[in-house]
N, C-alpha and C. Protein backbone atom coordinates (compact mmCIF):
# COMPACT_ATOMS: atom_id res chain seq x y z
N MET A 1 60.81 23.46 72.99
CA MET A 1 59.44 23.38 72.81
C MET A 1 58.73 24.56 73.40
N ASP A 2 59.39 25.09 74.26
CA ASP A 2 58.83 26.26 74.87
C ASP A 2 58.63 27.35 73.82
N ASN A 3 59.56 27.49 72.99
CA ASN A 3 59.43 28.50 71.95
C ASN A 3 58.29 28.15 71.00
N VAL A 4 58.14 26.92 70.72
CA VAL A 4 57.10 26.48 69.80
C VAL A 4 55.74 26.70 70.45
N THR A 5 55.64 26.45 71.71
CA THR A 5 54.38 26.61 72.40
C THR A 5 54.03 28.09 72.47
N ILE A 6 55.04 28.90 72.72
CA ILE A 6 54.79 30.34 72.79
C ILE A 6 54.37 30.83 71.40
N ALA A 7 55.02 30.36 70.38
CA ALA A 7 54.70 30.80 69.02
C ALA A 7 53.28 30.35 68.65
N LEU A 8 52.96 29.12 69.02
CA LEU A 8 51.62 28.62 68.69
C LEU A 8 50.57 29.36 69.50
N THR A 9 50.87 29.66 70.76
CA THR A 9 49.92 30.38 71.59
C THR A 9 49.76 31.79 71.04
N ALA A 10 50.85 32.41 70.59
CA ALA A 10 50.78 33.76 70.03
C ALA A 10 49.96 33.72 68.73
N ALA A 11 50.15 32.72 67.91
CA ALA A 11 49.42 32.61 66.64
C ALA A 11 47.94 32.41 66.92
N ILE A 12 47.62 31.56 67.91
CA ILE A 12 46.22 31.29 68.24
C ILE A 12 45.60 32.55 68.81
N THR A 13 46.35 33.27 69.65
CA THR A 13 45.84 34.50 70.23
C THR A 13 45.58 35.52 69.13
N ALA A 14 46.50 35.62 68.20
CA ALA A 14 46.34 36.57 67.09
C ALA A 14 45.12 36.19 66.26
N ALA A 15 44.92 34.90 66.05
CA ALA A 15 43.78 34.45 65.25
C ALA A 15 42.48 34.76 65.98
N VAL A 16 42.44 34.54 67.30
CA VAL A 16 41.23 34.81 68.08
C VAL A 16 40.94 36.30 68.08
N VAL A 17 42.00 37.14 68.24
CA VAL A 17 41.81 38.59 68.24
C VAL A 17 41.30 39.03 66.85
N LEU A 18 41.88 38.45 65.80
CA LEU A 18 41.45 38.78 64.43
C LEU A 18 39.98 38.40 64.24
N GLN A 19 39.60 37.23 64.73
CA GLN A 19 38.20 36.80 64.62
C GLN A 19 37.30 37.74 65.41
N ALA A 20 37.76 38.19 66.58
CA ALA A 20 36.96 39.09 67.38
C ALA A 20 36.79 40.42 66.66
N LEU A 21 37.83 40.91 66.01
CA LEU A 21 37.73 42.17 65.26
C LEU A 21 36.77 42.01 64.07
N ILE A 22 36.85 40.87 63.38
CA ILE A 22 35.95 40.62 62.24
C ILE A 22 34.51 40.56 62.74
N LEU A 23 34.30 39.87 63.90
CA LEU A 23 32.94 39.79 64.45
C LEU A 23 32.45 41.18 64.87
N LEU A 24 33.36 42.00 65.44
CA LEU A 24 32.98 43.36 65.81
C LEU A 24 32.60 44.16 64.58
N GLY A 25 33.37 44.00 63.47
CA GLY A 25 33.07 44.70 62.22
C GLY A 25 31.72 44.26 61.64
N LEU A 26 31.48 42.95 61.71
CA LEU A 26 30.19 42.44 61.23
C LEU A 26 29.05 42.99 62.08
N TYR A 27 29.26 43.03 63.40
CA TYR A 27 28.22 43.53 64.28
C TYR A 27 27.91 44.99 63.96
N LEU A 28 28.93 45.80 63.76
CA LEU A 28 28.72 47.22 63.46
C LEU A 28 28.02 47.38 62.10
N ALA A 29 28.41 46.58 61.11
CA ALA A 29 27.79 46.67 59.78
C ALA A 29 26.32 46.26 59.85
N VAL A 30 26.03 45.19 60.61
CA VAL A 30 24.64 44.73 60.73
C VAL A 30 23.84 45.77 61.48
N ARG A 31 24.42 46.38 62.52
CA ARG A 31 23.70 47.39 63.27
C ARG A 31 23.39 48.61 62.41
N LYS A 32 24.35 49.03 61.58
CA LYS A 32 24.14 50.16 60.67
C LYS A 32 23.06 49.81 59.65
N THR A 33 23.14 48.61 59.12
CA THR A 33 22.14 48.17 58.13
C THR A 33 20.77 48.07 58.78
N THR A 34 20.72 47.58 60.00
CA THR A 34 19.45 47.48 60.72
C THR A 34 18.86 48.86 60.94
N ALA A 35 19.69 49.80 61.26
CA ALA A 35 19.21 51.17 61.47
C ALA A 35 18.65 51.72 60.17
N ASN A 36 19.36 51.48 59.08
CA ASN A 36 18.87 51.95 57.77
C ASN A 36 17.54 51.28 57.41
N VAL A 37 17.45 49.97 57.65
CA VAL A 37 16.21 49.23 57.33
C VAL A 37 15.08 49.73 58.20
N GLU A 38 15.34 49.99 59.49
CA GLU A 38 14.30 50.51 60.37
C GLU A 38 13.85 51.89 59.91
N ALA A 39 14.79 52.73 59.48
CA ALA A 39 14.42 54.06 58.97
C ALA A 39 13.58 53.92 57.71
N LEU A 40 13.98 52.99 56.87
CA LEU A 40 13.22 52.74 55.64
C LEU A 40 11.82 52.21 55.96
N ALA A 41 11.74 51.32 56.93
CA ALA A 41 10.44 50.77 57.33
C ALA A 41 9.54 51.86 57.88
N VAL A 42 10.12 52.76 58.68
CA VAL A 42 9.34 53.87 59.22
C VAL A 42 8.85 54.76 58.08
N GLU A 43 9.72 55.04 57.13
CA GLU A 43 9.35 55.88 56.00
C GLU A 43 8.25 55.21 55.18
N VAL A 44 8.39 53.91 54.96
CA VAL A 44 7.36 53.18 54.21
C VAL A 44 6.04 53.23 54.96
N LYS A 45 6.11 53.04 56.27
CA LYS A 45 4.89 53.08 57.06
C LYS A 45 4.23 54.45 56.98
N THR A 46 5.04 55.49 57.06
CA THR A 46 4.46 56.84 57.06
C THR A 46 3.91 57.23 55.69
N LYS A 47 4.53 56.73 54.63
CA LYS A 47 4.09 57.13 53.29
C LYS A 47 3.08 56.16 52.69
N THR A 48 3.29 54.88 52.84
CA THR A 48 2.41 53.93 52.18
C THR A 48 1.23 53.51 53.02
N LEU A 49 1.38 53.53 54.33
CA LEU A 49 0.27 53.12 55.18
C LEU A 49 -0.95 54.01 54.97
N PRO A 50 -0.80 55.35 54.90
CA PRO A 50 -1.99 56.17 54.62
C PRO A 50 -2.58 55.85 53.23
N THR A 51 -1.70 55.59 52.28
CA THR A 51 -2.19 55.25 50.94
C THR A 51 -2.95 53.94 50.97
N ILE A 52 -2.40 52.97 51.68
CA ILE A 52 -3.06 51.67 51.78
C ILE A 52 -4.38 51.81 52.52
N GLU A 53 -4.36 52.60 53.62
CA GLU A 53 -5.60 52.82 54.36
C GLU A 53 -6.61 53.56 53.50
N SER A 54 -6.13 54.54 52.73
CA SER A 54 -7.02 55.29 51.82
C SER A 54 -7.60 54.35 50.77
N ALA A 55 -6.76 53.51 50.20
CA ALA A 55 -7.24 52.55 49.20
C ALA A 55 -8.22 51.58 49.83
N HIS A 56 -7.93 51.14 51.03
CA HIS A 56 -8.82 50.21 51.73
C HIS A 56 -10.18 50.86 52.00
N SER A 57 -10.14 52.12 52.48
CA SER A 57 -11.40 52.81 52.75
C SER A 57 -12.16 53.08 51.45
N MET A 58 -11.40 53.40 50.38
CA MET A 58 -12.03 53.63 49.08
C MET A 58 -12.69 52.35 48.59
N LEU A 59 -11.98 51.22 48.73
CA LEU A 59 -12.56 49.94 48.32
C LEU A 59 -13.77 49.60 49.18
N THR A 60 -13.70 49.93 50.46
CA THR A 60 -14.83 49.68 51.34
C THR A 60 -16.03 50.52 50.91
N GLU A 61 -15.78 51.78 50.53
CA GLU A 61 -16.86 52.65 50.07
C GLU A 61 -17.39 52.21 48.71
N LEU A 62 -16.48 51.80 47.84
CA LEU A 62 -16.88 51.46 46.47
C LEU A 62 -17.48 50.06 46.35
N ARG A 63 -17.23 49.22 47.32
CA ARG A 63 -17.70 47.84 47.23
C ARG A 63 -19.22 47.74 46.98
N PRO A 64 -20.05 48.48 47.75
CA PRO A 64 -21.50 48.39 47.46
C PRO A 64 -21.84 48.89 46.06
N LYS A 65 -21.15 49.96 45.64
CA LYS A 65 -21.41 50.49 44.30
C LYS A 65 -20.98 49.49 43.23
N ILE A 66 -19.86 48.86 43.45
CA ILE A 66 -19.38 47.85 42.49
C ILE A 66 -20.35 46.67 42.44
N GLU A 67 -20.87 46.29 43.62
CA GLU A 67 -21.85 45.20 43.65
C GLU A 67 -23.11 45.60 42.91
N ILE A 68 -23.55 46.85 43.09
CA ILE A 68 -24.74 47.33 42.37
C ILE A 68 -24.49 47.32 40.87
N ILE A 69 -23.31 47.79 40.47
CA ILE A 69 -22.96 47.80 39.04
C ILE A 69 -22.96 46.37 38.50
N ALA A 70 -22.38 45.45 39.26
CA ALA A 70 -22.35 44.05 38.82
C ALA A 70 -23.76 43.48 38.72
N ASP A 71 -24.61 43.79 39.70
CA ASP A 71 -26.00 43.33 39.65
C ASP A 71 -26.74 43.93 38.46
N ASN A 72 -26.55 45.24 38.25
CA ASN A 72 -27.19 45.90 37.10
C ASN A 72 -26.71 45.30 35.78
N LEU A 73 -25.42 45.06 35.69
CA LEU A 73 -24.87 44.46 34.47
C LEU A 73 -25.46 43.07 34.25
N SER A 74 -25.59 42.30 35.32
CA SER A 74 -26.18 40.96 35.21
C SER A 74 -27.64 41.05 34.76
N ALA A 75 -28.39 41.98 35.37
CA ALA A 75 -29.81 42.15 35.00
C ALA A 75 -29.92 42.62 33.56
N THR A 76 -29.08 43.57 33.17
CA THR A 76 -29.10 44.08 31.80
C THR A 76 -28.78 42.97 30.81
N THR A 77 -27.81 42.16 31.15
CA THR A 77 -27.45 41.06 30.26
C THR A 77 -28.63 40.09 30.11
N THR A 78 -29.32 39.82 31.20
CA THR A 78 -30.48 38.93 31.15
C THR A 78 -31.58 39.53 30.28
N VAL A 79 -31.85 40.82 30.45
CA VAL A 79 -32.89 41.49 29.66
C VAL A 79 -32.50 41.49 28.18
N VAL A 80 -31.26 41.83 27.89
CA VAL A 80 -30.80 41.86 26.49
C VAL A 80 -30.91 40.47 25.88
N ARG A 81 -30.52 39.44 26.61
CA ARG A 81 -30.60 38.08 26.09
C ARG A 81 -32.06 37.71 25.81
N ASP A 82 -32.99 38.07 26.73
CA ASP A 82 -34.40 37.79 26.52
C ASP A 82 -34.94 38.53 25.29
N GLN A 83 -34.54 39.81 25.16
CA GLN A 83 -35.00 40.60 24.01
C GLN A 83 -34.47 40.02 22.70
N ILE A 84 -33.23 39.58 22.71
CA ILE A 84 -32.65 38.99 21.50
C ILE A 84 -33.36 37.69 21.16
N GLN A 85 -33.72 36.91 22.17
CA GLN A 85 -34.47 35.68 21.91
C GLN A 85 -35.84 36.00 21.33
N ARG A 86 -36.50 37.02 21.86
CA ARG A 86 -37.80 37.43 21.29
C ARG A 86 -37.64 37.91 19.86
N LEU A 87 -36.62 38.73 19.64
CA LEU A 87 -36.37 39.24 18.29
C LEU A 87 -36.08 38.09 17.33
N ASP A 88 -35.30 37.14 17.79
CA ASP A 88 -35.00 35.97 16.96
C ASP A 88 -36.28 35.21 16.63
N ALA A 89 -37.14 35.01 17.63
CA ALA A 89 -38.40 34.31 17.39
C ALA A 89 -39.28 35.09 16.41
N THR A 90 -39.32 36.42 16.59
CA THR A 90 -40.13 37.25 15.70
C THR A 90 -39.60 37.21 14.27
N VAL A 91 -38.30 37.33 14.13
CA VAL A 91 -37.70 37.29 12.79
C VAL A 91 -37.95 35.94 12.13
N ASN A 92 -37.81 34.86 12.90
CA ASN A 92 -38.08 33.54 12.34
C ASN A 92 -39.53 33.41 11.92
N ASP A 93 -40.46 33.95 12.73
CA ASP A 93 -41.87 33.92 12.39
C ASP A 93 -42.14 34.70 11.11
N VAL A 94 -41.54 35.89 11.00
CA VAL A 94 -41.72 36.71 9.79
C VAL A 94 -41.16 35.98 8.57
N ILE A 95 -40.02 35.35 8.73
CA ILE A 95 -39.42 34.62 7.61
C ILE A 95 -40.32 33.46 7.20
N ASP A 96 -40.85 32.72 8.19
CA ASP A 96 -41.74 31.60 7.87
C ASP A 96 -43.00 32.09 7.17
N ARG A 97 -43.59 33.17 7.68
CA ARG A 97 -44.80 33.71 7.04
C ARG A 97 -44.51 34.21 5.64
N THR A 98 -43.40 34.88 5.48
CA THR A 98 -43.03 35.38 4.14
C THR A 98 -42.84 34.21 3.19
N ARG A 99 -42.18 33.18 3.66
CA ARG A 99 -41.96 31.99 2.84
C ARG A 99 -43.31 31.39 2.40
N LEU A 100 -44.26 31.30 3.35
CA LEU A 100 -45.58 30.76 3.02
C LEU A 100 -46.30 31.65 2.01
N GLN A 101 -46.20 32.96 2.20
CA GLN A 101 -46.87 33.87 1.27
C GLN A 101 -46.26 33.78 -0.13
N VAL A 102 -44.95 33.62 -0.19
CA VAL A 102 -44.30 33.48 -1.50
C VAL A 102 -44.78 32.20 -2.17
N ILE A 103 -44.90 31.13 -1.38
CA ILE A 103 -45.38 29.85 -1.95
C ILE A 103 -46.82 30.02 -2.43
N ARG A 104 -47.65 30.67 -1.62
CA ARG A 104 -49.05 30.88 -2.03
C ARG A 104 -49.13 31.74 -3.28
N ALA A 105 -48.32 32.81 -3.33
CA ALA A 105 -48.32 33.69 -4.51
C ALA A 105 -47.87 32.92 -5.75
N ASP A 106 -46.86 32.07 -5.58
CA ASP A 106 -46.38 31.27 -6.70
C ASP A 106 -47.47 30.32 -7.19
N GLU A 107 -48.18 29.66 -6.25
CA GLU A 107 -49.26 28.77 -6.64
C GLU A 107 -50.38 29.54 -7.33
N LEU A 108 -50.73 30.72 -6.78
CA LEU A 108 -51.77 31.55 -7.38
C LEU A 108 -51.38 31.97 -8.79
N PHE A 109 -50.14 32.38 -8.95
CA PHE A 109 -49.66 32.80 -10.27
C PHE A 109 -49.70 31.62 -11.24
N GLY A 110 -49.28 30.45 -10.77
CA GLY A 110 -49.31 29.25 -11.63
C GLY A 110 -50.73 28.90 -12.03
N ARG A 111 -51.68 28.95 -11.06
CA ARG A 111 -53.08 28.65 -11.38
C ARG A 111 -53.63 29.69 -12.35
N THR A 112 -53.26 30.97 -12.15
CA THR A 112 -53.74 32.02 -13.05
C THR A 112 -53.24 31.79 -14.47
N LEU A 113 -51.97 31.43 -14.60
CA LEU A 113 -51.44 31.15 -15.94
C LEU A 113 -52.14 29.95 -16.57
N ASP A 114 -52.43 28.93 -15.77
CA ASP A 114 -53.16 27.77 -16.29
C ASP A 114 -54.55 28.17 -16.77
N LYS A 115 -55.24 29.01 -15.99
CA LYS A 115 -56.59 29.47 -16.38
C LYS A 115 -56.52 30.32 -17.65
N VAL A 116 -55.48 31.16 -17.77
CA VAL A 116 -55.33 31.98 -18.98
C VAL A 116 -55.15 31.07 -20.19
N GLU A 117 -54.32 30.03 -20.05
CA GLU A 117 -54.13 29.09 -21.16
C GLU A 117 -55.43 28.38 -21.51
N GLU A 118 -56.16 27.92 -20.49
CA GLU A 118 -57.43 27.24 -20.73
C GLU A 118 -58.41 28.18 -21.41
N THR A 119 -58.48 29.43 -20.94
CA THR A 119 -59.40 30.41 -21.54
C THR A 119 -59.02 30.69 -22.99
N THR A 120 -57.71 30.81 -23.23
CA THR A 120 -57.25 31.06 -24.61
C THR A 120 -57.64 29.90 -25.52
N GLU A 121 -57.44 28.68 -25.04
CA GLU A 121 -57.82 27.52 -25.86
C GLU A 121 -59.33 27.47 -26.06
N MET A 122 -60.10 27.78 -25.02
CA MET A 122 -61.55 27.76 -25.13
C MET A 122 -62.03 28.82 -26.12
N VAL A 123 -61.45 30.04 -26.03
CA VAL A 123 -61.82 31.11 -26.98
C VAL A 123 -61.45 30.68 -28.39
N HIS A 124 -60.31 30.06 -28.52
CA HIS A 124 -59.88 29.61 -29.85
C HIS A 124 -60.88 28.59 -30.42
N HIS A 125 -61.27 27.65 -29.57
CA HIS A 125 -62.19 26.61 -30.06
C HIS A 125 -63.61 27.12 -30.22
N THR A 126 -64.06 28.01 -29.34
CA THR A 126 -65.47 28.45 -29.40
C THR A 126 -65.68 29.66 -30.29
N VAL A 127 -64.67 30.48 -30.49
CA VAL A 127 -64.87 31.71 -31.28
C VAL A 127 -64.10 31.66 -32.59
N VAL A 128 -62.81 31.44 -32.49
CA VAL A 128 -61.96 31.55 -33.69
C VAL A 128 -62.28 30.44 -34.69
N SER A 129 -62.39 29.21 -34.22
CA SER A 129 -62.66 28.11 -35.16
C SER A 129 -64.01 28.28 -35.85
N PRO A 130 -65.10 28.59 -35.13
CA PRO A 130 -66.37 28.80 -35.84
C PRO A 130 -66.32 30.00 -36.79
N VAL A 131 -65.63 31.05 -36.38
CA VAL A 131 -65.53 32.22 -37.26
C VAL A 131 -64.81 31.82 -38.54
N ARG A 132 -63.75 31.02 -38.43
CA ARG A 132 -63.03 30.56 -39.63
C ARG A 132 -63.94 29.69 -40.50
N GLN A 133 -64.71 28.84 -39.81
CA GLN A 133 -65.62 27.98 -40.58
C GLN A 133 -66.68 28.81 -41.28
N VAL A 134 -67.28 29.77 -40.57
CA VAL A 134 -68.30 30.64 -41.18
C VAL A 134 -67.67 31.44 -42.31
N SER A 135 -66.44 31.93 -42.06
CA SER A 135 -65.75 32.70 -43.09
C SER A 135 -65.52 31.84 -44.33
N GLY A 136 -65.12 30.57 -44.09
CA GLY A 136 -64.91 29.66 -45.24
C GLY A 136 -66.20 29.41 -45.99
N VAL A 137 -67.31 29.21 -45.24
CA VAL A 137 -68.61 28.98 -45.89
C VAL A 137 -69.01 30.21 -46.68
N LEU A 138 -68.84 31.40 -46.07
CA LEU A 138 -69.20 32.64 -46.78
C LEU A 138 -68.34 32.83 -48.03
N GLN A 139 -67.06 32.50 -47.92
CA GLN A 139 -66.21 32.63 -49.10
C GLN A 139 -66.65 31.65 -50.20
N GLY A 140 -67.05 30.46 -49.76
CA GLY A 140 -67.56 29.49 -50.74
C GLY A 140 -68.84 29.96 -51.40
N VAL A 141 -69.78 30.50 -50.59
CA VAL A 141 -71.04 31.01 -51.14
C VAL A 141 -70.75 32.18 -52.06
N THR A 142 -69.84 33.07 -51.62
CA THR A 142 -69.49 34.23 -52.44
C THR A 142 -68.89 33.77 -53.77
N ALA A 143 -67.99 32.80 -53.69
CA ALA A 143 -67.38 32.30 -54.92
C ALA A 143 -68.44 31.68 -55.83
N GLY A 144 -69.38 30.93 -55.23
CA GLY A 144 -70.44 30.32 -56.03
C GLY A 144 -71.33 31.37 -56.67
N LEU A 145 -71.70 32.39 -55.88
CA LEU A 145 -72.54 33.46 -56.44
C LEU A 145 -71.81 34.22 -57.54
N GLN A 146 -70.56 34.48 -57.33
CA GLN A 146 -69.80 35.19 -58.37
C GLN A 146 -69.72 34.35 -59.64
N TYR A 147 -69.57 33.08 -59.45
CA TYR A 147 -69.52 32.20 -60.61
C TYR A 147 -70.85 32.23 -61.36
N LEU A 148 -71.96 32.16 -60.62
CA LEU A 148 -73.27 32.18 -61.26
C LEU A 148 -73.52 33.52 -61.93
N ILE A 149 -73.15 34.61 -61.25
CA ILE A 149 -73.38 35.94 -61.82
C ILE A 149 -72.51 36.12 -63.06
N ASN A 150 -71.29 35.71 -63.00
CA ASN A 150 -70.40 35.84 -64.17
C ASN A 150 -70.88 34.97 -65.32
N ARG A 151 -71.45 33.86 -65.01
CA ARG A 151 -71.94 32.97 -66.04
C ARG A 151 -73.13 33.58 -66.76
N LYS A 152 -74.05 34.20 -66.03
CA LYS A 152 -75.19 34.86 -66.66
C LYS A 152 -74.71 35.99 -67.55
N ARG A 153 -73.73 36.74 -67.18
CA ARG A 153 -73.21 37.86 -67.97
C ARG A 153 -72.58 37.32 -69.26
N VAL A 154 -71.89 36.21 -69.12
CA VAL A 154 -71.24 35.63 -70.29
C VAL A 154 -72.32 35.17 -71.28
N ARG A 155 -73.42 34.62 -70.81
CA ARG A 155 -74.50 34.18 -71.70
C ARG A 155 -75.15 35.37 -72.38
N ARG A 156 -75.36 36.43 -71.69
CA ARG A 156 -75.97 37.61 -72.31
C ARG A 156 -75.09 38.14 -73.43
N ARG A 157 -73.84 38.13 -73.20
CA ARG A 157 -72.94 38.62 -74.23
C ARG A 157 -72.98 37.72 -75.45
N GLU A 158 -73.10 36.47 -75.20
CA GLU A 158 -73.14 35.53 -76.32
C GLU A 158 -74.42 35.71 -77.12
N THR A 159 -75.53 36.00 -76.45
CA THR A 159 -76.78 36.16 -77.15
C THR A 159 -76.90 37.52 -77.80
N VAL A 160 -76.26 38.48 -77.36
CA VAL A 160 -76.37 39.83 -77.92
C VAL A 160 -75.75 39.85 -79.31
N GLY A 161 -74.76 39.19 -79.52
CA GLY A 161 -74.12 39.16 -80.82
C GLY A 161 -73.02 40.18 -80.89
N VAL A 162 -72.08 39.90 -81.74
CA VAL A 162 -70.90 40.73 -81.84
C VAL A 162 -70.94 41.39 -83.21
N PRO A 163 -70.82 42.66 -83.34
CA PRO A 163 -70.79 43.31 -84.65
C PRO A 163 -69.58 42.84 -85.45
N GLN A 164 -69.72 42.94 -86.72
CA GLN A 164 -68.72 42.47 -87.64
C GLN A 164 -67.40 43.21 -87.48
N ASP A 165 -67.48 44.44 -87.25
CA ASP A 165 -66.26 45.24 -87.18
C ASP A 165 -65.43 44.83 -85.96
N GLU A 166 -66.08 44.37 -85.03
CA GLU A 166 -65.36 44.02 -83.81
C GLU A 166 -64.60 42.71 -83.96
N MET A 167 -64.98 41.90 -84.88
CA MET A 167 -64.34 40.64 -85.05
C MET A 167 -62.97 40.78 -85.66
N PHE A 168 -62.79 41.76 -86.47
CA PHE A 168 -61.51 41.95 -87.13
C PHE A 168 -60.74 43.05 -86.43
N ILE A 169 -59.92 42.73 -85.67
CA ILE A 169 -59.12 43.74 -85.02
C ILE A 169 -57.67 43.44 -85.30
């Protein structure tokens, strides 16, 4: 058993030494990595920190200007909205007035056409119809006079007599 105990003790010792070497290797690797990370952190601080500070100071300087721009934009939007509402009201008023004027013009035109028709009928009844009647009476009188005049001429011819030579043609 002595040999077994020595062998087991040697194996355990070897395992402990191996673990110690692995831990030493891990420690050295972590230390090297830590050094690299610290160098990287220093580099980041030296390069990005001024940029971040510059950006921060720029934002600090620009903040009032940005606020002014935002206020101006808000005021401009309000003014534009008010102007558009006024323009809309004006356009609606113009459209309503135009619509009313078109209706009035249409009514005026309709009344004018009605008056023209009434006037035409009145002229027809007061001027044309009497003129036709007078014309008819005059034509009747003319026809009567022509008949009487022609009748007197026919009587004169009958009383004058016809020569003999004229009878034989």
